[in-house]
Amino acid sequence: MMKKIVVVYCHPYNQSFNHAVLEQVLTNLHHQNMTPELIDLYAEQFTPVYDAEELRLFHQGKTHDPLVTKYLNMLRNADGIIFITPVWWNDLPGMLKGFIDKVMKEGEGLSHTVTKTGVHGELTNLKHAYVFTTSTSPTFYLRMWCGNAIRKIFIKVTLKQLGIKSGTWLNFGSISTSKPEKRQTYLKKCGEMTLDFS
């Protein structure tokens, strides 16, 4: 049976380098006999704002946004997850942060439950996460001087709290000053690397 992999794409411009990464990753998944299921947050006009009605419904595990229901169902039925996003101000863009805030619902059979010892992840079906990012800053600068938010917080804390035990971060740094050959090398890697969700 082919593995289903949810790909969460977060970029507003379809001529961006992030979009080129998306195309390579989707092709790669097909070549490895996996089924990608795309969540394109901007194209689907997802609203990341957490309004009062959404908050009122939170502890019931409910929502008034049909995309939230759709996305959480996709995550509950997938084998792995991939995020493709820029790094803005050393962290996730607001759109992707809003996706986590709204879609991850508390309750058994949803994304997580809250116990006396902390948050217990329900998305244990997602065996691994890959996080493909681009940044203006060099990668070492993000790691050493900017808090290493993608690895230290998003992968090792947030995703782990949701039940996703492991993750891999691949950043293309210094994008504004990068040479075409370097970009092509990175895209080739995205299109050919082994994606392991076992």
Protein backbone atom coordinates (compact mmCIF):
# COMPACT_ATOMS: atom_id res chain seq x y z
CA MET A 1 0.00 0.00 0.00
CA MET A 2 1.36 3.41 -1.01
CA LYS A 3 2.18 5.78 1.84
CA LYS A 4 0.22 9.02 1.98
CA ILE A 5 2.34 12.08 2.72
CA VAL A 6 0.80 15.45 3.53
CA VAL A 7 2.79 18.34 2.05
CA VAL A 8 2.08 21.68 3.72
CA TYR A 9 3.20 24.49 1.41
CA CYS A 10 3.39 28.05 2.70
CA HIS A 11 4.38 30.70 0.16
CA PRO A 12 2.23 33.30 -1.63
CA TYR A 13 4.18 33.44 -4.91
CA ASN A 14 4.13 30.58 -7.41
CA GLN A 15 7.33 31.74 -9.12
CA SER A 16 9.32 31.57 -5.88
CA PHE A 17 12.25 29.28 -5.13
CA ASN A 18 10.03 27.65 -2.52
CA HIS A 19 7.63 26.69 -5.30
CA ALA A 20 10.49 25.11 -7.23
CA VAL A 21 11.31 23.11 -4.08
CA LEU A 22 7.66 22.05 -3.87
CA GLU A 23 7.69 20.77 -7.46
CA GLN A 24 10.86 18.76 -6.84
CA VAL A 25 9.53 17.26 -3.61
CA LEU A 26 6.21 16.25 -5.20
CA THR A 27 8.05 14.60 -8.10
CA ASN A 28 10.35 12.84 -5.65
CA LEU A 29 7.42 11.43 -3.67
CA HIS A 30 5.86 10.05 -6.87
CA HIS A 31 9.19 8.46 -7.87
CA GLN A 32 9.38 6.78 -4.46
CA ASN A 33 5.85 5.39 -4.91
CA MET A 34 4.27 7.61 -2.29
CA THR A 35 1.07 9.61 -2.62
CA PRO A 36 1.47 13.32 -1.88
CA GLU A 37 -1.55 15.20 -0.55
CA LEU A 38 -0.98 18.93 -0.93
CA ILE A 39 -2.13 21.65 1.46
CA ASP A 40 -1.37 24.96 -0.30
CA LEU A 41 -2.24 27.47 2.41
CA TYR A 42 -2.24 30.59 0.22
CA ALA A 43 -3.87 29.05 -2.85
CA GLU A 44 -6.64 27.58 -0.68
CA GLN A 45 -7.07 30.95 1.06
CA PHE A 46 -6.64 29.51 4.53
CA THR A 47 -7.35 32.09 7.23
CA PRO A 48 -4.72 31.84 9.99
CA VAL A 49 -6.51 34.28 12.32
CA TYR A 50 -7.76 32.63 15.51
CA ASP A 51 -11.03 34.45 16.20
CA ALA A 52 -13.29 34.41 19.27
CA GLU A 53 -15.66 31.77 17.85
CA GLU A 54 -12.76 29.44 17.05
CA LEU A 55 -11.46 29.85 20.60
CA ARG A 56 -14.91 29.15 22.05
CA LEU A 57 -15.02 25.82 20.19
CA PHE A 58 -11.42 24.81 20.96
CA HIS A 59 -11.94 22.71 24.10
CA GLN A 60 -14.76 20.84 22.35
CA GLY A 61 -12.34 19.93 19.57
CA LYS A 62 -14.58 21.75 17.10
CA THR A 63 -14.15 24.50 14.51
CA HIS A 64 -16.23 26.80 12.33
CA ASP A 65 -13.63 26.68 9.53
CA PRO A 66 -14.22 23.78 7.09
CA LEU A 67 -10.57 23.86 6.01
CA VAL A 68 -9.51 23.06 9.58
CA THR A 69 -11.66 19.92 9.54
CA LYS A 70 -10.34 18.95 6.11
CA TYR A 71 -6.69 19.47 7.05
CA LEU A 72 -6.89 17.62 10.37
CA ASN A 73 -8.57 14.66 8.66
CA MET A 74 -5.76 14.60 6.10
CA LEU A 75 -3.17 14.55 8.90
CA ARG A 76 -4.99 11.82 10.81
CA ASN A 77 -4.93 9.57 7.74
CA ALA A 78 -1.38 10.16 6.50
CA ASP A 79 1.91 8.36 7.11
CA GLY A 80 4.20 11.38 7.14
CA ILE A 81 4.35 15.14 6.72
CA ILE A 82 6.50 17.63 4.81
CA PHE A 83 6.58 21.40 5.35
CA ILE A 84 7.89 23.75 2.66
CA THR A 85 8.18 27.34 3.83
CA PRO A 86 10.41 30.39 3.99
CA VAL A 87 11.96 31.47 7.28
CA TRP A 88 10.75 34.99 8.07
CA TRP A 89 12.28 36.88 10.99
CA ASN A 90 14.11 33.74 12.13
CA ASP A 91 10.93 31.67 12.54
CA LEU A 92 7.86 30.25 10.83
CA PRO A 93 5.71 32.72 8.85
CA GLY A 94 2.48 33.82 10.52
CA MET A 95 0.43 31.82 8.00
CA LEU A 96 2.10 28.54 9.00
CA LYS A 97 1.98 29.39 12.69
CA GLY A 98 -1.76 30.03 12.26
CA PHE A 99 -2.10 26.62 10.60
CA ILE A 100 -0.61 24.97 13.69
CA ASP A 101 -2.70 27.12 16.05
CA LYS A 102 -6.03 26.44 14.33
CA VAL A 103 -5.73 22.94 12.90
CA MET A 104 -4.19 21.22 15.91
CA LYS A 105 -7.28 20.50 18.01
CA GLU A 106 -7.33 19.17 21.56
CA GLY A 107 -9.12 15.85 22.12
CA GLU A 108 -8.76 12.11 21.71
CA GLY A 109 -8.55 11.18 18.06
CA LEU A 110 -7.64 14.76 17.12
CA SER A 111 -4.10 16.18 17.30
CA HIS A 112 -3.30 16.09 21.02
CA THR A 113 -4.66 15.66 24.53
CA VAL A 114 -3.59 17.48 27.68
CA THR A 115 -2.55 15.36 30.67
CA LYS A 116 -1.15 16.14 34.13
CA THR A 117 2.34 15.65 32.74
CA GLY A 118 1.85 17.84 29.67
CA VAL A 119 0.72 17.59 26.07
CA HIS A 120 0.27 14.08 24.64
CA GLY A 121 0.46 13.81 20.85
CA GLU A 122 -2.26 11.98 18.93
CA LEU A 123 -0.62 12.21 15.48
CA THR A 124 1.66 9.21 16.04
CA ASN A 125 0.66 7.96 12.58
CA LEU A 126 2.97 10.66 11.16
CA LYS A 127 6.26 8.79 11.48
CA HIS A 128 8.59 11.58 10.41
CA ALA A 129 8.55 15.22 9.35
CA TYR A 130 10.73 16.93 6.76
CA VAL A 131 10.98 20.71 6.95
CA PHE A 132 12.33 22.39 3.80
CA THR A 133 13.05 26.09 4.34
CA THR A 134 14.72 29.04 2.68
CA SER A 135 16.25 32.02 4.46
CA THR A 136 18.01 35.29 3.78
CA SER A 137 20.36 34.55 6.68
CA PRO A 138 23.00 31.81 6.34
CA THR A 139 21.97 28.54 7.97
CA PHE A 140 24.76 28.68 10.56
CA TYR A 141 23.55 32.15 11.59
CA LEU A 142 20.02 30.85 12.21
CA ARG A 143 21.44 27.97 14.26
CA MET A 144 24.01 29.87 16.32
CA TRP A 145 22.73 33.42 16.69
CA CYS A 146 18.97 33.44 16.04
CA GLY A 147 17.74 30.78 18.45
CA ASN A 148 17.61 27.83 16.01
CA ALA A 149 13.80 28.08 16.16
CA ILE A 150 13.01 25.62 13.37
CA ARG A 151 15.00 22.75 14.87
CA LYS A 152 14.86 23.55 18.59
CA ILE A 153 11.22 24.66 18.88
CA PHE A 154 9.23 23.57 15.81
CA ILE A 155 10.73 20.10 15.25
CA LYS A 156 11.95 19.10 18.71
CA VAL A 157 9.09 20.58 20.75
CA THR A 158 5.95 21.48 18.76
CA LEU A 159 5.93 18.52 16.37
CA LYS A 160 7.01 16.15 19.14
CA GLN A 161 4.10 17.33 21.31
CA LEU A 162 1.79 16.42 18.42
CA GLY A 163 3.17 12.87 18.35
CA ILE A 164 5.63 13.27 15.47
CA LYS A 165 8.72 11.73 17.04
CA SER A 166 11.42 12.78 14.57
CA GLY A 167 12.13 15.44 11.99
CA THR A 168 14.71 16.57 9.45
CA TRP A 169 15.42 20.23 8.65
CA LEU A 170 16.90 21.20 5.28
CA ASN A 171 17.49 24.92 4.89
CA PHE A 172 18.72 26.81 1.84
CA GLY A 173 20.41 29.81 3.45
CA SER A 174 21.67 33.11 2.02
CA ILE A 175 19.06 32.82 -0.73
CA SER A 176 19.22 36.49 -1.74
CA THR A 177 22.91 36.25 -2.66
CA SER A 178 23.01 32.63 -3.83
CA LYS A 179 24.35 31.64 -7.23
CA PRO A 180 22.15 29.74 -9.75
CA GLU A 181 24.44 26.67 -9.58
CA LYS A 182 23.97 26.40 -5.83
CA ARG A 183 20.20 26.68 -6.20
CA GLN A 184 20.18 23.95 -8.81
CA THR A 185 22.26 21.68 -6.57
CA TYR A 186 19.77 22.14 -3.73
CA LEU A 187 16.78 21.50 -6.02
CA LYS A 188 18.46 18.35 -7.32
CA LYS A 189 18.89 17.15 -3.74
CA CYS A 190 15.20 17.83 -3.01
CA GLY A 191 14.21 15.85 -6.07
CA GLU A 192 16.48 12.86 -5.50
CA MET A 193 17.02 12.39 -1.75
CA THR A 194 15.47 9.38 -0.03
CA LEU A 195 12.42 10.41 1.97
CA ASP A 196 12.03 7.91 4.80
CA PHE A 197 8.74 7.73 6.72
CA SER A 198 9.24 4.31 8.29
